[in-house]
Amino acid sequence: KQSVWGVEFESQFKPVRPLTLGLSMTFLNPKYDDFGNSAFGLLTGTRPSDIPGFSGTVSADYTHDMANDDRILFHVDFHHESKVQVIEGLPAFAVTNPTTGVVNFQPALDIAKQFTREVNEMNASLTYAMSNGLELTVWARNLTNDRYINTIFDSPAQAGSVSAYTNQPRTWGGSVRFRF
């Protein structure tokens, strides 16, 4: 059993006609209410991994209408997630007593504690939208080039090692769309 207590807020503001500001925030307090048979023994009362206590996004969208009915659209957003442990434990690091057969899960839990992440990413785009439906966009994701581990796991066939998947680095690109 797991429970999560939380509060979420989301809002948009239009201080002037072409500008829209956005703000969203989430506060979460998760815990395992009953998890006595996990892969790492008793986890009842502990905080599940990979659930940030706070996450928030601020954004701005600006639309400039041109005389020929074309539009220029600018978007920017910044997203933050508080520091969180990526995984509860790494099963391959549990130690079994050869005499008694009793498994000590503490090393698996302790090693996993060093793998944390905090997210701070900024994205932006600039679009030229023509009145005929054609849109040309240049965009950038993760402008801050924030690097973190998305997930981690025991490496297959390599005892004592771990593997991980990271987030995407700073990425640039363009898009062409036609709306009809």
N, C-alpha and C. Protein backbone atom coordinates (compact mmCIF):
# COMPACT_ATOMS: atom_id res chain seq x y z
N LYS A 1 0.85 -1.17 0.00
CA LYS A 1 0.00 0.00 0.00
C LYS A 1 0.89 1.24 0.00
N GLN A 2 0.45 2.20 -0.77
CA GLN A 2 1.18 3.47 -0.83
C GLN A 2 0.17 4.60 -0.80
N SER A 3 0.48 5.66 -0.11
CA SER A 3 -0.39 6.84 -0.10
C SER A 3 0.43 8.07 -0.46
N VAL A 4 -0.25 9.03 -1.05
CA VAL A 4 0.39 10.29 -1.41
C VAL A 4 -0.53 11.42 -1.01
N TRP A 5 -0.03 12.31 -0.21
CA TRP A 5 -0.74 13.54 0.14
C TRP A 5 -0.13 14.63 -0.72
N GLY A 6 -0.96 15.48 -1.32
CA GLY A 6 -0.38 16.50 -2.16
C GLY A 6 -1.31 17.67 -2.41
N VAL A 7 -0.70 18.72 -2.97
CA VAL A 7 -1.41 19.94 -3.34
C VAL A 7 -0.89 20.35 -4.70
N GLU A 8 -1.81 20.76 -5.58
CA GLU A 8 -1.40 21.20 -6.91
C GLU A 8 -2.04 22.55 -7.21
N PHE A 9 -1.28 23.41 -7.88
CA PHE A 9 -1.76 24.74 -8.27
C PHE A 9 -1.37 24.98 -9.71
N GLU A 10 -2.29 25.48 -10.49
CA GLU A 10 -2.00 25.80 -11.90
C GLU A 10 -2.75 27.06 -12.27
N SER A 11 -2.06 27.96 -12.95
CA SER A 11 -2.69 29.24 -13.29
C SER A 11 -2.05 29.85 -14.53
N GLN A 12 -2.83 30.67 -15.21
CA GLN A 12 -2.32 31.48 -16.32
C GLN A 12 -2.75 32.91 -16.10
N PHE A 13 -1.86 33.83 -16.45
CA PHE A 13 -2.12 35.26 -16.32
C PHE A 13 -1.90 35.92 -17.67
N LYS A 14 -2.72 36.92 -17.99
CA LYS A 14 -2.56 37.70 -19.22
C LYS A 14 -2.41 39.17 -18.82
N PRO A 15 -1.20 39.58 -18.46
CA PRO A 15 -1.02 40.97 -18.02
C PRO A 15 -1.27 41.99 -19.14
N VAL A 16 -0.95 41.62 -20.37
CA VAL A 16 -1.26 42.42 -21.56
C VAL A 16 -1.68 41.44 -22.66
N ARG A 17 -2.39 41.94 -23.67
CA ARG A 17 -3.00 41.07 -24.67
C ARG A 17 -2.04 40.07 -25.31
N PRO A 18 -0.85 40.40 -25.77
CA PRO A 18 -0.05 39.40 -26.47
C PRO A 18 0.75 38.46 -25.54
N LEU A 19 0.72 38.68 -24.23
CA LEU A 19 1.56 37.93 -23.30
C LEU A 19 0.72 37.05 -22.38
N THR A 20 1.08 35.77 -22.29
CA THR A 20 0.45 34.86 -21.34
C THR A 20 1.55 34.25 -20.47
N LEU A 21 1.39 34.38 -19.16
CA LEU A 21 2.33 33.81 -18.20
C LEU A 21 1.67 32.63 -17.52
N GLY A 22 2.42 31.56 -17.34
CA GLY A 22 1.88 30.37 -16.70
C GLY A 22 2.69 29.96 -15.48
N LEU A 23 2.02 29.37 -14.53
CA LEU A 23 2.68 28.87 -13.33
C LEU A 23 1.96 27.61 -12.88
N SER A 24 2.71 26.54 -12.64
CA SER A 24 2.14 25.34 -12.06
C SER A 24 3.11 24.81 -11.01
N MET A 25 2.54 24.33 -9.90
CA MET A 25 3.35 23.80 -8.80
C MET A 25 2.64 22.59 -8.22
N THR A 26 3.44 21.61 -7.82
CA THR A 26 2.90 20.43 -7.16
C THR A 26 3.78 20.11 -5.95
N PHE A 27 3.13 19.89 -4.81
CA PHE A 27 3.81 19.45 -3.60
C PHE A 27 3.26 18.06 -3.27
N LEU A 28 4.15 17.08 -3.11
CA LEU A 28 3.73 15.71 -2.82
C LEU A 28 4.48 15.16 -1.62
N ASN A 29 3.78 14.36 -0.81
CA ASN A 29 4.38 13.69 0.33
C ASN A 29 3.98 12.22 0.27
N PRO A 30 4.73 11.40 -0.48
CA PRO A 30 4.37 9.97 -0.62
C PRO A 30 5.01 9.13 0.48
N LYS A 31 4.39 8.00 0.77
CA LYS A 31 5.03 7.03 1.68
C LYS A 31 4.43 5.65 1.45
N TYR A 32 5.24 4.65 1.75
CA TYR A 32 4.76 3.27 1.73
C TYR A 32 4.05 3.03 3.05
N ASP A 33 2.74 2.81 2.98
CA ASP A 33 1.97 2.51 4.19
C ASP A 33 2.19 1.08 4.64
N ASP A 34 2.36 0.18 3.68
CA ASP A 34 2.58 -1.23 3.98
C ASP A 34 3.34 -1.86 2.82
N PHE A 35 4.62 -2.12 3.03
CA PHE A 35 5.43 -2.75 1.98
C PHE A 35 6.46 -3.65 2.66
N GLY A 36 5.95 -4.72 3.26
CA GLY A 36 6.80 -5.63 4.02
C GLY A 36 7.46 -6.69 3.17
N ASN A 37 6.99 -6.87 1.95
CA ASN A 37 7.51 -7.95 1.12
C ASN A 37 8.14 -7.38 -0.16
N SER A 38 8.91 -6.31 -0.02
CA SER A 38 9.56 -5.72 -1.19
C SER A 38 10.82 -6.53 -1.53
N ALA A 39 11.43 -6.20 -2.62
CA ALA A 39 12.68 -6.87 -3.01
C ALA A 39 13.81 -6.56 -2.03
N PHE A 40 13.58 -5.60 -1.13
CA PHE A 40 14.62 -5.17 -0.18
C PHE A 40 14.18 -5.32 1.26
N GLY A 41 13.21 -6.16 1.50
CA GLY A 41 12.72 -6.36 2.86
C GLY A 41 11.66 -5.33 3.22
N LEU A 42 11.61 -4.94 4.46
CA LEU A 42 10.57 -4.05 4.98
C LEU A 42 10.83 -2.60 4.57
N LEU A 43 9.92 -2.04 3.78
CA LEU A 43 10.00 -0.62 3.39
C LEU A 43 8.83 0.19 3.93
N THR A 44 8.00 -0.42 4.76
CA THR A 44 6.86 0.27 5.35
C THR A 44 7.33 1.53 6.06
N GLY A 45 6.63 2.65 5.80
CA GLY A 45 6.96 3.92 6.44
C GLY A 45 8.02 4.74 5.72
N THR A 46 8.62 4.19 4.67
CA THR A 46 9.66 4.93 3.94
C THR A 46 9.06 5.68 2.75
N ARG A 47 9.84 6.59 2.21
CA ARG A 47 9.42 7.38 1.05
C ARG A 47 9.77 6.62 -0.23
N PRO A 48 8.81 6.45 -1.14
CA PRO A 48 9.11 5.82 -2.42
C PRO A 48 10.10 6.67 -3.23
N SER A 49 10.89 6.00 -4.03
CA SER A 49 11.84 6.74 -4.87
C SER A 49 11.13 7.36 -6.06
N ASP A 50 11.82 8.29 -6.70
CA ASP A 50 11.41 8.86 -7.99
C ASP A 50 10.15 9.72 -7.93
N ILE A 51 9.76 10.20 -6.76
CA ILE A 51 8.62 11.10 -6.63
C ILE A 51 9.11 12.37 -5.95
N PRO A 52 9.31 13.46 -6.71
CA PRO A 52 9.82 14.68 -6.09
C PRO A 52 8.81 15.30 -5.14
N GLY A 53 9.30 15.88 -4.07
CA GLY A 53 8.43 16.58 -3.12
C GLY A 53 7.85 17.84 -3.71
N PHE A 54 8.61 18.48 -4.59
CA PHE A 54 8.13 19.71 -5.25
C PHE A 54 8.48 19.65 -6.72
N SER A 55 7.56 20.05 -7.55
CA SER A 55 7.85 20.28 -8.96
C SER A 55 7.08 21.52 -9.38
N GLY A 56 7.70 22.28 -10.27
CA GLY A 56 7.06 23.51 -10.72
C GLY A 56 7.54 23.92 -12.09
N THR A 57 6.66 24.61 -12.79
CA THR A 57 6.99 25.12 -14.12
C THR A 57 6.47 26.54 -14.24
N VAL A 58 7.32 27.42 -14.76
CA VAL A 58 6.89 28.77 -15.12
C VAL A 58 7.06 28.90 -16.63
N SER A 59 6.14 29.61 -17.27
CA SER A 59 6.21 29.74 -18.72
C SER A 59 5.75 31.11 -19.16
N ALA A 60 6.16 31.47 -20.37
CA ALA A 60 5.73 32.73 -20.99
C ALA A 60 5.50 32.47 -22.47
N ASP A 61 4.38 32.98 -22.97
CA ASP A 61 4.06 32.90 -24.39
C ASP A 61 3.73 34.31 -24.87
N TYR A 62 4.39 34.71 -25.94
CA TYR A 62 4.16 36.04 -26.51
C TYR A 62 3.78 35.87 -27.97
N THR A 63 2.66 36.48 -28.37
CA THR A 63 2.19 36.41 -29.75
C THR A 63 2.15 37.81 -30.33
N HIS A 64 2.86 37.98 -31.44
CA HIS A 64 2.87 39.28 -32.13
C HIS A 64 2.11 39.12 -33.45
N ASP A 65 0.97 39.83 -33.55
CA ASP A 65 0.18 39.81 -34.78
C ASP A 65 0.75 40.81 -35.75
N MET A 66 0.95 40.35 -36.99
CA MET A 66 1.52 41.22 -38.02
C MET A 66 0.40 41.76 -38.91
N ALA A 67 0.69 42.82 -39.66
CA ALA A 67 -0.29 43.49 -40.51
C ALA A 67 -0.86 42.56 -41.59
N ASN A 68 -0.09 41.59 -42.06
CA ASN A 68 -0.54 40.69 -43.13
C ASN A 68 -1.25 39.45 -42.58
N ASP A 69 -1.68 39.46 -41.32
CA ASP A 69 -2.35 38.35 -40.62
C ASP A 69 -1.42 37.19 -40.26
N ASP A 70 -0.13 37.31 -40.52
CA ASP A 70 0.83 36.33 -40.02
C ASP A 70 1.07 36.63 -38.54
N ARG A 71 1.67 35.66 -37.84
CA ARG A 71 1.95 35.84 -36.41
C ARG A 71 3.34 35.33 -36.09
N ILE A 72 3.96 35.93 -35.10
CA ILE A 72 5.22 35.44 -34.54
C ILE A 72 4.90 35.03 -33.10
N LEU A 73 5.25 33.78 -32.77
CA LEU A 73 4.97 33.25 -31.44
C LEU A 73 6.28 32.88 -30.75
N PHE A 74 6.45 33.34 -29.53
CA PHE A 74 7.63 33.01 -28.74
C PHE A 74 7.17 32.30 -27.49
N HIS A 75 7.81 31.18 -27.16
CA HIS A 75 7.48 30.42 -25.95
C HIS A 75 8.78 30.11 -25.19
N VAL A 76 8.72 30.23 -23.88
CA VAL A 76 9.83 29.82 -23.03
C VAL A 76 9.24 29.23 -21.75
N ASP A 77 9.88 28.16 -21.23
CA ASP A 77 9.44 27.61 -19.95
C ASP A 77 10.64 27.09 -19.18
N PHE A 78 10.49 27.07 -17.87
CA PHE A 78 11.51 26.54 -16.98
C PHE A 78 10.82 25.54 -16.05
N HIS A 79 11.39 24.33 -15.95
CA HIS A 79 10.81 23.28 -15.11
C HIS A 79 11.82 22.84 -14.05
N HIS A 80 11.35 22.72 -12.82
CA HIS A 80 12.21 22.29 -11.70
C HIS A 80 11.53 21.14 -10.96
N GLU A 81 12.32 20.13 -10.59
CA GLU A 81 11.87 19.07 -9.69
C GLU A 81 12.90 18.97 -8.57
N SER A 82 12.42 18.92 -7.32
CA SER A 82 13.33 18.84 -6.18
C SER A 82 14.10 17.53 -6.20
N LYS A 83 15.18 17.52 -5.44
CA LYS A 83 16.07 16.36 -5.38
C LYS A 83 15.30 15.13 -4.89
N VAL A 84 15.56 14.00 -5.56
CA VAL A 84 14.87 12.76 -5.25
C VAL A 84 15.82 11.59 -5.45
N GLN A 85 15.64 10.55 -4.67
CA GLN A 85 16.40 9.31 -4.88
C GLN A 85 15.81 8.61 -6.09
N VAL A 86 16.64 8.15 -7.02
CA VAL A 86 16.19 7.59 -8.29
C VAL A 86 15.57 6.20 -8.11
N ILE A 87 16.12 5.38 -7.22
CA ILE A 87 15.65 4.00 -7.04
C ILE A 87 15.78 3.61 -5.57
N GLU A 88 14.88 2.73 -5.10
CA GLU A 88 14.93 2.31 -3.69
C GLU A 88 16.19 1.52 -3.37
N GLY A 89 16.53 0.58 -4.23
CA GLY A 89 17.68 -0.27 -3.97
C GLY A 89 18.13 -1.00 -5.22
N LEU A 90 19.30 -1.59 -5.15
CA LEU A 90 19.87 -2.35 -6.26
C LEU A 90 20.04 -3.79 -5.80
N PRO A 91 19.16 -4.69 -6.24
CA PRO A 91 19.13 -6.06 -5.72
C PRO A 91 20.44 -6.82 -5.79
N ALA A 92 21.25 -6.59 -6.80
CA ALA A 92 22.50 -7.35 -6.93
C ALA A 92 23.49 -7.05 -5.79
N PHE A 93 23.27 -5.98 -5.04
CA PHE A 93 24.19 -5.61 -3.97
C PHE A 93 23.74 -6.15 -2.60
N ALA A 94 22.62 -6.87 -2.55
CA ALA A 94 22.22 -7.52 -1.31
C ALA A 94 23.24 -8.63 -1.00
N VAL A 95 23.52 -8.84 0.26
CA VAL A 95 24.55 -9.81 0.67
C VAL A 95 23.87 -10.98 1.39
N THR A 96 24.16 -12.20 0.90
CA THR A 96 23.60 -13.41 1.52
C THR A 96 24.67 -14.08 2.37
N ASN A 97 24.32 -14.37 3.61
CA ASN A 97 25.22 -15.09 4.51
C ASN A 97 25.29 -16.54 4.03
N PRO A 98 26.49 -17.02 3.65
CA PRO A 98 26.60 -18.37 3.11
C PRO A 98 26.26 -19.47 4.11
N THR A 99 26.41 -19.20 5.38
CA THR A 99 26.14 -20.21 6.41
C THR A 99 24.64 -20.32 6.71
N THR A 100 24.01 -19.15 6.93
CA THR A 100 22.60 -19.16 7.35
C THR A 100 21.62 -18.97 6.19
N GLY A 101 22.11 -18.41 5.08
CA GLY A 101 21.23 -18.13 3.95
C GLY A 101 20.40 -16.87 4.13
N VAL A 102 20.64 -16.14 5.22
CA VAL A 102 19.90 -14.91 5.49
C VAL A 102 20.44 -13.79 4.59
N VAL A 103 19.52 -13.08 3.98
CA VAL A 103 19.90 -11.99 3.07
C VAL A 103 19.90 -10.66 3.82
N ASN A 104 21.00 -9.92 3.68
CA ASN A 104 21.12 -8.57 4.24
C ASN A 104 20.88 -7.58 3.09
N PHE A 105 19.74 -6.88 3.14
CA PHE A 105 19.37 -5.94 2.08
C PHE A 105 19.98 -4.55 2.27
N GLN A 106 20.54 -4.28 3.44
CA GLN A 106 21.03 -2.93 3.73
C GLN A 106 22.06 -2.43 2.71
N PRO A 107 23.04 -3.23 2.27
CA PRO A 107 23.98 -2.72 1.26
C PRO A 107 23.27 -2.31 -0.04
N ALA A 108 22.24 -3.05 -0.45
CA ALA A 108 21.49 -2.70 -1.66
C ALA A 108 20.78 -1.37 -1.51
N LEU A 109 20.26 -1.10 -0.30
CA LEU A 109 19.59 0.17 -0.03
C LEU A 109 20.59 1.31 0.09
N ASP A 110 21.72 1.07 0.77
CA ASP A 110 22.73 2.11 0.97
C ASP A 110 23.36 2.57 -0.33
N ILE A 111 23.69 1.64 -1.21
CA ILE A 111 24.32 1.99 -2.49
C ILE A 111 23.36 2.82 -3.33
N ALA A 112 22.08 2.49 -3.30
CA ALA A 112 21.09 3.22 -4.11
C ALA A 112 20.92 4.66 -3.66
N LYS A 113 21.20 4.97 -2.38
CA LYS A 113 21.01 6.33 -1.86
C LYS A 113 21.89 7.36 -2.55
N GLN A 114 23.01 6.94 -3.11
CA GLN A 114 23.90 7.90 -3.76
C GLN A 114 23.39 8.34 -5.13
N PHE A 115 22.40 7.64 -5.68
CA PHE A 115 21.89 7.97 -7.00
C PHE A 115 20.64 8.84 -6.88
N THR A 116 20.85 10.14 -6.99
CA THR A 116 19.77 11.12 -6.86
C THR A 116 19.72 11.99 -8.11
N ARG A 117 18.64 12.72 -8.23
CA ARG A 117 18.53 13.68 -9.33
C ARG A 117 17.73 14.89 -8.88
N GLU A 118 18.04 16.01 -9.49
CA GLU A 118 17.28 17.25 -9.36
C GLU A 118 17.18 17.80 -10.78
N VAL A 119 16.00 18.22 -11.17
CA VAL A 119 15.77 18.67 -12.55
C VAL A 119 15.65 20.19 -12.60
N ASN A 120 16.38 20.80 -13.54
CA ASN A 120 16.31 22.24 -13.83
C ASN A 120 16.48 22.41 -15.33
N GLU A 121 15.38 22.43 -16.05
CA GLU A 121 15.44 22.50 -17.51
C GLU A 121 14.67 23.69 -18.05
N MET A 122 15.23 24.30 -19.09
CA MET A 122 14.57 25.41 -19.78
C MET A 122 14.41 25.03 -21.25
N ASN A 123 13.25 25.36 -21.80
CA ASN A 123 12.94 25.10 -23.20
C ASN A 123 12.44 26.39 -23.83
N ALA A 124 12.63 26.53 -25.15
CA ALA A 124 12.16 27.73 -25.84
C ALA A 124 11.86 27.40 -27.29
N SER A 125 10.97 28.21 -27.88
CA SER A 125 10.68 28.07 -29.31
C SER A 125 10.26 29.41 -29.88
N LEU A 126 10.51 29.56 -31.18
CA LEU A 126 10.11 30.76 -31.92
C LEU A 126 9.44 30.27 -33.20
N THR A 127 8.20 30.70 -33.42
CA THR A 127 7.42 30.23 -34.56
C THR A 127 6.96 31.41 -35.41
N TYR A 128 7.10 31.25 -36.71
CA TYR A 128 6.50 32.19 -37.67
C TYR A 128 5.31 31.47 -38.28
N ALA A 129 4.09 31.92 -37.94
CA ALA A 129 2.86 31.28 -38.40
C ALA A 129 2.23 32.14 -39.48
N MET A 130 2.21 31.61 -40.70
CA MET A 130 1.64 32.36 -41.82
C MET A 130 0.13 32.17 -41.88
N SER A 131 -0.56 33.14 -42.42
CA SER A 131 -2.02 33.10 -42.49
C SER A 131 -2.52 31.96 -43.38
N ASN A 132 -1.68 31.44 -44.26
CA ASN A 132 -2.09 30.33 -45.13
C ASN A 132 -1.99 28.97 -44.44
N GLY A 133 -1.55 28.93 -43.17
CA GLY A 133 -1.47 27.68 -42.41
C GLY A 133 -0.07 27.12 -42.25
N LEU A 134 0.90 27.66 -42.98
CA LEU A 134 2.28 27.19 -42.87
C LEU A 134 2.93 27.79 -41.63
N GLU A 135 3.61 26.92 -40.85
CA GLU A 135 4.31 27.38 -39.64
C GLU A 135 5.75 26.89 -39.67
N LEU A 136 6.67 27.80 -39.40
CA LEU A 136 8.10 27.48 -39.32
C LEU A 136 8.55 27.74 -37.89
N THR A 137 9.14 26.71 -37.27
CA THR A 137 9.52 26.82 -35.85
C THR A 137 10.97 26.42 -35.66
N VAL A 138 11.70 27.18 -34.85
CA VAL A 138 13.00 26.75 -34.33
C VAL A 138 12.80 26.59 -32.82
N TRP A 139 13.40 25.53 -32.27
CA TRP A 139 13.19 25.24 -30.86
C TRP A 139 14.47 24.73 -30.22
N ALA A 140 14.49 24.83 -28.92
CA ALA A 140 15.61 24.29 -28.12
C ALA A 140 15.02 23.68 -26.85
N ARG A 141 15.51 22.50 -26.52
CA ARG A 141 15.10 21.81 -25.29
C ARG A 141 16.30 21.66 -24.38
N ASN A 142 16.04 21.76 -23.11
CA ASN A 142 17.09 21.64 -22.09
C ASN A 142 18.22 22.64 -22.35
N LEU A 143 17.86 23.90 -22.50
CA LEU A 143 18.85 24.96 -22.74
C LEU A 143 19.90 25.03 -21.65
N THR A 144 19.56 24.66 -20.44
CA THR A 144 20.50 24.68 -19.33
C THR A 144 21.48 23.50 -19.39
N ASN A 145 21.24 22.56 -20.31
CA ASN A 145 22.04 21.35 -20.44
C ASN A 145 22.16 20.61 -19.10
N ASP A 146 21.05 20.60 -18.36
CA ASP A 146 20.99 19.91 -17.07
C ASP A 146 21.08 18.41 -17.31
N ARG A 147 22.02 17.75 -16.70
CA ARG A 147 22.24 16.31 -16.91
C ARG A 147 21.91 15.56 -15.62
N TYR A 148 21.10 14.52 -15.76
CA TYR A 148 20.73 13.72 -14.60
C TYR A 148 20.36 12.30 -15.05
N ILE A 149 20.27 11.41 -14.07
CA ILE A 149 19.93 10.01 -14.32
C ILE A 149 18.41 9.85 -14.25
N ASN A 150 17.82 9.30 -15.30
CA ASN A 150 16.37 9.00 -15.28
C ASN A 150 16.09 7.72 -14.52
N THR A 151 16.88 6.69 -14.78
CA THR A 151 16.70 5.41 -14.09
C THR A 151 18.04 4.70 -14.00
N ILE A 152 18.15 3.82 -13.02
CA ILE A 152 19.38 3.06 -12.80
C ILE A 152 18.99 1.63 -12.46
N PHE A 153 19.85 0.69 -12.82
CA PHE A 153 19.54 -0.72 -12.57
C PHE A 153 20.83 -1.52 -12.51
N ASP A 154 20.74 -2.72 -11.92
CA ASP A 154 21.89 -3.62 -11.88
C ASP A 154 22.26 -3.99 -13.32
N SER A 155 23.55 -3.95 -13.64
CA SER A 155 23.99 -4.31 -14.99
C SER A 155 23.84 -5.81 -15.20
N PRO A 156 23.25 -6.22 -16.31
CA PRO A 156 23.14 -7.65 -16.57
C PRO A 156 24.52 -8.27 -16.83
N ALA A 157 24.75 -9.43 -16.27
CA ALA A 157 25.97 -10.21 -16.50
C ALA A 157 27.25 -9.50 -16.10
N GLN A 158 27.15 -8.49 -15.21
CA GLN A 158 28.34 -7.78 -14.73
C GLN A 158 28.17 -7.53 -13.23
N ALA A 159 28.42 -8.53 -12.45
CA ALA A 159 28.23 -8.44 -11.01
C ALA A 159 28.96 -7.23 -10.43
N GLY A 160 28.27 -6.51 -9.54
CA GLY A 160 28.89 -5.38 -8.85
C GLY A 160 28.89 -4.09 -9.65
N SER A 161 28.18 -4.04 -10.77
CA SER A 161 28.14 -2.80 -11.54
C SER A 161 26.69 -2.40 -11.82
N VAL A 162 26.50 -1.14 -12.14
CA VAL A 162 25.17 -0.62 -12.43
C VAL A 162 25.17 0.06 -13.79
N SER A 163 24.00 0.13 -14.39
CA SER A 163 23.81 0.84 -15.65
C SER A 163 22.71 1.88 -15.44
N ALA A 164 22.67 2.88 -16.31
CA ALA A 164 21.68 3.94 -16.14
C ALA A 164 21.30 4.53 -17.49
N TYR A 165 20.14 5.16 -17.50
CA TYR A 165 19.70 5.95 -18.65
C TYR A 165 19.62 7.40 -18.19
N THR A 166 20.20 8.28 -18.97
CA THR A 166 20.19 9.70 -18.64
C THR A 166 19.13 10.44 -19.46
N ASN A 167 18.90 11.68 -19.09
CA ASN A 167 17.99 12.52 -19.86
C ASN A 167 18.68 13.00 -21.14
N GLN A 168 17.94 13.64 -22.01
CA GLN A 168 18.53 14.17 -23.24
C GLN A 168 19.35 15.41 -22.93
N PRO A 169 20.49 15.58 -23.60
CA PRO A 169 21.27 16.80 -23.42
C PRO A 169 20.57 17.97 -24.14
N ARG A 170 21.21 19.12 -24.14
CA ARG A 170 20.69 20.27 -24.88
C ARG A 170 20.45 19.85 -26.32
N THR A 171 19.26 20.15 -26.83
CA THR A 171 18.87 19.73 -28.17
C THR A 171 18.26 20.91 -28.92
N TRP A 172 18.65 21.06 -30.17
CA TRP A 172 18.15 22.14 -31.03
C TRP A 172 17.45 21.52 -32.23
N GLY A 173 16.52 22.23 -32.80
CA GLY A 173 15.87 21.70 -33.99
C GLY A 173 14.91 22.68 -34.62
N GLY A 174 14.24 22.20 -35.61
CA GLY A 174 13.25 22.99 -36.31
C GLY A 174 12.09 22.13 -36.75
N SER A 175 10.97 22.76 -36.98
CA SER A 175 9.77 22.05 -37.42
C SER A 175 9.08 22.88 -38.49
N VAL A 176 8.45 22.16 -39.41
CA VAL A 176 7.61 22.79 -40.41
C VAL A 176 6.25 22.13 -40.31
N ARG A 177 5.19 22.94 -40.18
CA ARG A 177 3.84 22.41 -40.06
C ARG A 177 2.93 23.11 -41.06
N PHE A 178 1.89 22.41 -41.41
CA PHE A 178 0.85 23.06 -42.21
C PHE A 178 -0.48 22.74 -41.56
N ARG A 179 -1.19 23.78 -41.15
CA ARG A 179 -2.50 23.63 -40.51
C ARG A 179 -3.60 23.95 -41.52
N PHE A 180 -4.57 23.07 -41.60
CA PHE A 180 -5.67 23.32 -42.53
C PHE A 180 -7.00 23.03 -41.88
